[in-house]
Protein backbone atom coordinates (compact mmCIF):
# COMPACT_ATOMS: atom_id res chain seq x y z
CA MET A 1 -52.61 22.50 33.67
CA SER A 2 -49.43 24.52 33.23
CA SER A 3 -46.90 25.26 35.94
CA VAL A 4 -44.19 27.87 36.34
CA ALA A 5 -40.71 26.40 36.71
CA SER A 6 -38.66 27.40 39.70
CA PRO A 7 -35.17 28.84 39.20
CA GLN A 8 -33.41 25.72 40.52
CA PRO A 9 -30.37 24.56 38.51
CA ALA A 10 -31.77 22.65 35.56
CA GLU A 11 -29.28 19.80 35.92
CA THR A 12 -30.80 18.76 39.30
CA LEU A 13 -34.25 18.17 37.82
CA GLN A 14 -36.04 15.57 35.78
CA PRO A 15 -37.09 16.78 32.31
CA LEU A 16 -39.57 19.63 32.54
CA ALA A 17 -43.16 18.58 32.16
CA SER A 18 -45.26 19.54 29.15
CA GLY A 19 -47.09 22.78 29.93
CA THR A 20 -44.33 24.23 32.12
CA LYS A 21 -43.93 27.98 31.59
CA LEU A 22 -40.50 29.64 31.50
CA LEU A 23 -39.98 33.40 31.78
CA ALA A 24 -37.08 34.63 29.64
CA SER A 25 -34.87 37.73 29.77
CA SER A 26 -36.99 39.37 27.08
CA GLY A 27 -40.11 39.10 29.22
CA LYS A 28 -41.57 36.46 26.90
CA SER A 29 -43.11 33.33 28.40
CA TYR A 30 -42.30 30.02 26.74
CA VAL A 31 -44.42 26.91 27.23
CA ILE A 32 -42.70 23.51 27.14
CA GLU A 33 -44.38 21.20 24.62
CA GLU A 34 -42.10 18.15 24.52
CA VAL A 35 -38.61 16.82 25.18
CA LEU A 36 -36.69 16.52 21.90
CA GLN A 37 -33.46 15.10 23.32
CA GLN A 38 -32.05 14.11 26.68
CA ARG A 39 -28.77 12.59 27.72
CA GLU A 40 -26.69 12.19 30.83
CA PHE A 41 -23.39 14.01 31.15
CA ASP A 42 -21.26 14.09 34.29
CA ASN A 43 -24.21 12.98 36.44
CA ARG A 44 -26.44 15.66 34.94
CA LEU A 45 -29.38 15.47 32.59
CA LEU A 46 -28.97 17.64 29.50
CA CYS A 47 -32.27 18.31 27.76
CA VAL A 48 -33.47 19.96 24.57
CA TYR A 49 -37.13 21.00 24.45
CA ARG A 50 -39.63 22.15 21.88
CA ALA A 51 -41.53 25.11 23.30
CA THR A 52 -43.94 27.77 22.04
CA HIS A 53 -44.55 31.47 22.52
CA ASP A 54 -47.74 32.86 20.96
CA SER A 55 -48.02 29.63 18.93
CA THR A 56 -44.56 30.11 17.38
CA PRO A 57 -42.30 27.07 17.96
CA TYR A 58 -38.85 27.38 19.53
CA VAL A 59 -36.09 25.12 20.75
CA ILE A 60 -34.85 25.54 24.31
CA LYS A 61 -31.47 24.02 25.13
CA PHE A 62 -29.86 23.52 28.51
CA ILE A 63 -26.22 24.68 28.53
CA ARG A 64 -23.85 23.49 31.23
CA GLN A 65 -23.30 26.25 33.77
CA GLU A 66 -19.53 26.26 33.29
CA ARG A 67 -20.01 26.70 29.53
CA PHE A 68 -22.91 29.16 29.52
CA GLU A 69 -21.04 32.43 28.98
CA ALA A 70 -18.53 30.78 26.65
CA ALA A 71 -21.43 29.41 24.59
CA VAL A 72 -23.19 32.76 24.33
CA SER A 73 -20.23 34.97 23.36
CA PRO A 74 -19.34 33.44 19.94
CA GLN A 75 -23.00 33.25 18.94
CA LYS A 76 -23.53 36.97 19.58
CA LEU A 77 -20.97 37.62 16.85
CA LEU A 78 -23.13 35.69 14.38
CA GLU A 79 -26.65 36.84 15.23
CA HIS A 80 -27.08 38.55 11.85
CA SER A 81 -25.95 35.60 9.72
CA PRO A 82 -28.91 34.11 7.83
CA HIS A 83 -27.24 30.71 7.73
CA VAL A 84 -26.23 30.28 11.37
CA ARG A 85 -28.79 29.53 14.07
CA THR A 86 -28.15 31.70 17.12
CA PRO A 87 -30.17 32.34 20.30
CA VAL A 88 -33.09 34.75 20.16
CA ASP A 89 -33.65 34.72 23.92
CA ALA A 90 -32.19 33.33 27.15
CA ILE A 91 -33.28 32.08 30.56
CA PRO A 92 -30.01 32.63 32.46
CA ASP A 93 -31.12 31.45 35.91
CA ARG A 94 -31.79 28.02 34.44
CA HIS A 95 -28.91 28.11 31.93
CA PHE A 96 -31.29 27.86 28.97
CA LEU A 97 -30.84 29.36 25.51
CA VAL A 98 -33.82 29.83 23.20
CA TYR A 99 -33.46 29.21 19.46
CA PRO A 100 -35.72 29.33 16.40
CA TYR A 101 -37.26 25.95 15.71
CA LEU A 102 -36.05 24.19 12.56
CA ARG A 103 -37.83 21.06 11.43
CA ARG A 104 -35.14 18.73 10.08
CA ASN A 105 -31.42 18.12 10.11
CA LEU A 106 -29.65 16.96 6.98
CA LEU A 107 -28.99 13.48 8.33
CA GLY A 108 -32.74 12.95 8.50
CA LEU A 109 -33.45 13.84 4.87
CA ARG A 110 -33.84 11.19 2.18
CA PHE A 111 -31.46 12.64 -0.36
CA GLY A 112 -32.26 9.98 -2.91
CA LEU A 113 -35.55 11.85 -3.39
CA VAL A 114 -34.00 15.35 -3.50
CA THR A 115 -33.06 16.88 -6.85
CA PRO A 116 -29.43 17.82 -7.60
CA VAL A 117 -30.47 21.48 -7.87
CA VAL A 118 -31.83 21.45 -4.33
CA LYS A 119 -28.87 19.48 -2.97
CA LYS A 120 -26.47 22.05 -4.36
CA LYS A 121 -28.42 24.90 -2.77
CA LEU A 122 -28.44 23.14 0.59
CA ILE A 123 -24.67 22.65 0.43
CA ARG A 124 -24.07 26.24 -0.69
CA ASP A 125 -26.19 27.82 2.04
CA ALA A 126 -24.70 25.68 4.80
CA LEU A 127 -21.23 26.48 3.48
CA ALA A 128 -22.09 30.19 3.54
CA GLY A 129 -22.98 29.76 7.21
CA LEU A 130 -19.62 28.12 7.90
CA ALA A 131 -17.88 30.96 6.07
CA ASP A 132 -19.68 33.47 8.32
CA ILE A 133 -18.54 31.51 11.38
CA HIS A 134 -14.93 31.45 10.23
CA ASP A 135 -14.97 35.12 9.21
CA LYS A 136 -15.50 35.87 12.91
CA GLY A 137 -12.53 33.74 13.91
CA ILE A 138 -14.70 30.98 15.35
CA LEU A 139 -14.02 27.24 15.18
CA HIS A 140 -17.25 25.21 15.28
CA THR A 141 -15.58 21.87 16.27
CA ASP A 142 -18.54 19.61 15.38
CA ILE A 143 -19.57 20.06 11.75
CA LYS A 144 -21.79 17.18 10.61
CA PRO A 145 -25.17 16.76 8.89
CA THR A 146 -27.07 16.61 12.19
CA ASN A 147 -25.76 20.11 12.96
CA ILE A 148 -27.07 21.53 9.68
CA MET A 149 -30.80 22.13 9.84
CA VAL A 150 -33.52 23.30 7.50
CA ASN A 151 -37.21 24.11 7.42
CA ILE A 152 -39.44 22.17 5.03
CA TYR A 153 -42.72 23.51 3.72
CA GLU A 154 -45.21 22.61 1.00
CA ARG A 155 -44.89 24.68 -2.16
CA ASP A 156 -47.79 25.83 -4.30
CA ASP A 157 -47.16 22.92 -6.67
CA GLY A 158 -47.41 20.44 -3.80
CA GLN A 159 -43.69 19.64 -3.76
CA ALA A 160 -41.45 20.03 -0.71
CA GLY A 161 -39.70 23.37 -0.40
CA PHE A 162 -36.74 24.26 1.78
CA SER A 163 -35.79 27.42 3.66
CA ASP A 164 -33.64 28.57 6.57
CA VAL A 165 -30.62 26.35 5.93
CA GLN A 166 -28.50 26.94 9.02
CA ILE A 167 -25.44 25.68 10.86
CA THR A 168 -26.51 24.88 14.43
CA ASP A 169 -25.07 23.72 17.75
CA LEU A 170 -22.36 26.29 18.38
CA GLU A 171 -22.43 25.70 22.13
CA ASP A 172 -18.98 24.06 21.99
CA ALA A 173 -17.49 26.52 19.50
CA PHE A 174 -14.34 28.49 20.30
CA VAL A 175 -13.13 31.92 19.31
CA ILE A 176 -9.61 31.40 17.97
CA PRO A 177 -7.35 34.47 18.48
CA PRO A 178 -5.48 35.72 15.38
CA ASN A 179 -2.22 33.85 14.73
CA SER A 180 -3.20 31.17 17.24
CA PRO A 181 -2.51 27.54 16.27
CA GLY A 182 -6.02 26.69 17.47
CA LEU A 183 -7.17 23.89 19.73
CA GLN A 184 -4.64 21.28 20.77
CA ARG A 185 -4.63 17.99 22.67
CA VAL A 186 -8.38 17.47 22.35
CA MET A 187 -10.48 15.17 20.16
CA THR A 188 -13.42 17.14 18.77
CA GLY A 189 -16.36 16.13 16.63
CA ASN A 190 -17.99 12.84 15.73
CA CYS A 191 -15.94 9.84 14.62
CA PHE A 192 -17.55 9.59 11.17
CA TRP A 193 -17.15 13.29 10.35
CA ARG A 194 -14.06 14.53 12.22
CA SER A 195 -10.83 15.50 10.49
CA PRO A 196 -7.60 13.48 10.78
CA GLU A 197 -6.03 16.18 12.98
CA ALA A 198 -8.99 15.88 15.35
CA TRP A 199 -8.41 12.13 15.51
CA ALA A 200 -4.75 12.81 16.31
CA ARG A 201 -5.60 15.46 18.95
CA ALA A 202 -3.28 17.71 16.96
CA ARG A 203 -3.64 21.42 16.12
CA GLN A 204 -7.20 22.11 15.02
CA ASN A 205 -8.33 25.32 13.40
CA THR A 206 -10.83 26.36 10.73
CA PRO A 207 -9.45 23.86 8.14
CA SER A 208 -10.67 21.09 10.49
CA ASP A 209 -14.25 22.39 10.14
CA ILE A 210 -13.85 22.63 6.38
CA TYR A 211 -12.63 19.04 6.14
CA SER A 212 -15.66 17.86 8.13
CA PHE A 213 -17.91 19.93 5.89
CA ALA A 214 -16.45 18.23 2.82
CA ILE A 215 -17.42 14.83 4.24
CA SER A 216 -20.90 16.22 4.99
CA ALA A 217 -21.24 17.62 1.46
CA ILE A 218 -20.41 14.22 0.01
CA TYR A 219 -23.15 12.75 2.18
CA VAL A 220 -25.69 15.26 0.83
CA TRP A 221 -24.64 14.78 -2.78
CA LEU A 222 -24.32 10.98 -2.75
CA ASP A 223 -26.68 10.10 0.12
CA ALA A 224 -23.80 8.10 1.60
CA MET A 225 -21.67 8.24 4.75
CA ILE A 226 -18.37 7.37 3.14
CA LEU A 227 -16.48 6.80 6.41
CA PHE A 228 -19.20 4.60 7.89
CA SER A 229 -19.66 0.85 7.77
CA ASP A 230 -21.43 -1.59 10.06
CA ASP A 231 -18.11 -3.19 10.96
CA THR A 232 -16.58 0.19 11.78
CA ASN A 233 -19.58 1.20 13.85
CA LYS A 234 -19.34 -1.97 15.94
CA ALA A 235 -15.56 -1.94 16.30
CA PRO A 236 -13.80 -1.12 19.61
CA PRO A 237 -12.37 2.45 19.74
CA GLU A 238 -8.77 1.71 18.71
CA GLU A 239 -9.80 -0.56 15.85
CA GLN A 240 -12.46 1.94 14.75
CA TYR A 241 -9.82 4.68 14.71
CA THR A 242 -7.59 2.60 12.44
CA MET A 243 -10.41 1.65 10.06
CA ILE A 244 -11.66 5.22 9.65
CA LEU A 245 -8.19 6.73 9.30
CA ARG A 246 -7.41 4.23 6.55
CA ARG A 247 -10.47 5.45 4.64
CA HIS A 248 -9.29 9.04 4.99
CA LEU A 249 -6.00 8.02 3.42
CA SER A 250 -7.71 6.00 0.70
CA TYR A 251 -10.00 8.81 -0.39
CA PHE A 252 -8.08 12.02 0.25
CA VAL A 253 -4.32 11.60 0.48
CA SER A 254 -2.36 12.99 -2.47
CA GLU A 255 1.28 12.99 -3.46
CA ASP A 256 1.57 16.74 -2.99
CA ASP A 257 0.35 16.79 0.61
CA ILE A 258 1.35 13.47 2.23
CA ASP A 259 4.75 14.80 3.35
CA GLY A 260 3.17 17.94 4.77
CA PHE A 261 0.47 15.85 6.44
CA VAL A 262 3.03 13.69 8.24
CA GLU A 263 5.20 16.71 9.11
CA TYR A 264 2.14 18.54 10.52
CA HIS A 265 1.67 15.66 12.93
CA GLY A 266 5.24 15.54 14.22
CA GLY A 267 7.09 13.73 11.46
CA VAL A 268 7.61 10.08 10.57
CA GLU A 269 8.98 9.22 14.03
CA SER A 270 5.92 10.53 15.90
CA PRO A 271 3.31 7.96 17.01
CA PHE A 272 0.79 9.36 14.52
CA GLY A 273 3.40 9.53 11.76
CA LYS A 274 4.24 5.88 12.33
CA LYS A 275 0.54 5.03 12.21
CA ILE A 276 0.19 6.78 8.86
CA SER A 277 3.23 4.98 7.44
CA GLU A 278 1.86 1.62 8.55
CA LEU A 279 -1.53 2.29 7.01
CA CYS A 280 -0.04 3.48 3.72
CA LEU A 281 1.65 0.09 3.39
CA THR A 282 -1.75 -1.63 3.46
CA PHE A 283 -2.63 -0.21 0.01
CA ASP A 284 -0.53 -2.84 -1.72
CA SER A 285 -2.73 -4.42 -4.37
CA GLU A 286 -5.54 -3.66 -6.78
CA GLU A 287 -8.00 -5.23 -4.35
CA THR A 288 -6.76 -3.27 -1.33
CA GLY A 289 -5.60 -0.22 -3.23
CA ARG A 290 -6.60 3.38 -2.67
CA MET A 291 -9.81 4.90 -4.05
CA PRO A 292 -8.98 8.60 -4.52
CA PHE A 293 -12.08 10.78 -4.49
CA THR A 294 -10.71 12.77 -7.41
CA GLN A 295 -11.20 9.65 -9.55
CA TRP A 296 -14.76 8.87 -8.52
CA GLU A 297 -16.61 8.82 -11.81
CA PRO A 298 -19.16 9.68 -13.07
CA LEU A 299 -19.26 12.39 -10.40
CA ASP A 300 -19.12 15.92 -11.75
CA GLU A 301 -15.49 17.01 -12.15
CA GLN A 302 -16.15 20.40 -10.54
CA PHE A 303 -17.65 18.75 -7.45
CA ARG A 304 -14.65 16.44 -7.16
CA ASP A 305 -12.38 19.47 -7.41
CA LEU A 306 -14.32 21.30 -4.67
CA ILE A 307 -14.04 18.34 -2.30
CA TYR A 308 -10.36 17.84 -3.15
CA LYS A 309 -9.62 21.45 -2.20
CA MET A 310 -11.61 21.26 1.04
CA ALA A 311 -10.47 17.84 2.24
CA ARG A 312 -6.71 18.24 2.11
CA LEU A 313 -4.95 16.03 4.63
CA ASP A 314 -2.37 18.76 5.20
CA PRO A 315 -4.63 21.45 6.77
CA ARG A 316 -2.32 24.21 5.53
CA GLN A 317 -3.06 23.45 1.87
CA GLY A 318 -6.87 23.60 1.79
CA ILE A 319 -9.11 26.47 0.75
CA THR A 320 -11.14 28.62 3.15
CA ALA A 321 -14.90 28.30 3.53
CA ARG A 322 -15.34 31.70 1.85
CA GLU A 323 -13.24 30.54 -1.11
CA ALA A 324 -15.25 27.32 -1.26
CA VAL A 325 -18.55 29.25 -1.53
CA GLN A 326 -17.10 30.99 -4.58
CA HIS A 327 -16.06 27.73 -6.28
CA PRO A 328 -17.25 27.36 -9.90
CA TRP A 329 -19.38 24.35 -8.94
CA PHE A 330 -21.86 26.80 -7.40
CA ALA A 331 -21.92 29.12 -10.44
CA ASP A 332 -25.35 27.91 -11.62
CA CYS A 333 -26.84 27.83 -8.13
CA GLU A 334 -29.98 29.95 -7.98
CA GLU A 335 -31.52 31.60 -4.94
CA TRP A 336 -34.44 30.04 -3.10
CA PRO A 337 -37.88 31.62 -3.50
CA ARG A 338 -38.24 34.39 -0.92
CA ARG A 339 -39.47 33.25 2.48
CA TYR A 340 -39.09 34.96 5.81
CA HIS A 341 -36.01 33.92 7.73
CA MET A 342 -36.89 32.43 11.12
CA ALA A 343 -34.95 35.15 12.95
CA GLU A 344 -37.19 37.75 11.26
CA LEU A 345 -40.30 35.94 12.44
CA CYS A 346 -38.96 35.51 15.96
CA ALA A 347 -38.19 39.22 16.24
CA HIS A 348 -41.89 40.10 16.06
């Protein structure tokens, strides 16, 4: 038996029961099918649901009341991007946003079974979404494989096909005014994907997203989280910070940006500058030496060049997302077979 949810604040309730009906601003009625995620935040329960309307699946996300308008505004700027998932409906009295349902995120895919051709297309389309986000002056703040989603379907030949590659989870995104230095004094993102400037709580702008995307692209291409290890995952916060930052330096520091990197973070006498100097001294032997990504063979030279240009430790030296989409590595990247975009289906 279904029930109609009351307009009480969502954070005061237990998860909505399966069969609960929600009336949205569009006049559509959505039926809760299951709870996809739930977590506590500031003594509130934040839930993500799978719901249906006329048998079409959707995702309904609770947005904190104090962030609701701020979450909606940037996404309105991107509602026509084919590679960014944005709301198709809202339930304002319960602080819910309604999104197209996508089946998998990239962290859940077994990339060892995915062909290089498909991997490259996935990276290109997600990067195109990031370029659209940045073209609107928006900083995502949490780029990682779990926030890149895709639909999977069975092709005529029985193989898995992919469509609707989209950047998701823009609820904590920020519109950065022109000529603004960006976010400051906050640590954004996830520890295994965030940029060094996010670790340092320094100035964060679109290059921070691009750096995180480079780490995500490596994951897709190599099926490996290069900043992750069991020891790092189990380490206390300060030790984890040191271990991960050392890997950033090992893989991505270069002679032509180390000085700018340190200067960007306040110079050699700043706490972060001192930390960098100390870590650089740990690369003192062949066994403990650096492993620059540009020298990772037999990886394709063009892919190494793309990552090098995206993951510059000095944020002022990297390329933009739009420039990255146009990199020669994508030159042989074909289009997917035509399938309806989820936003097209949801509009009917």
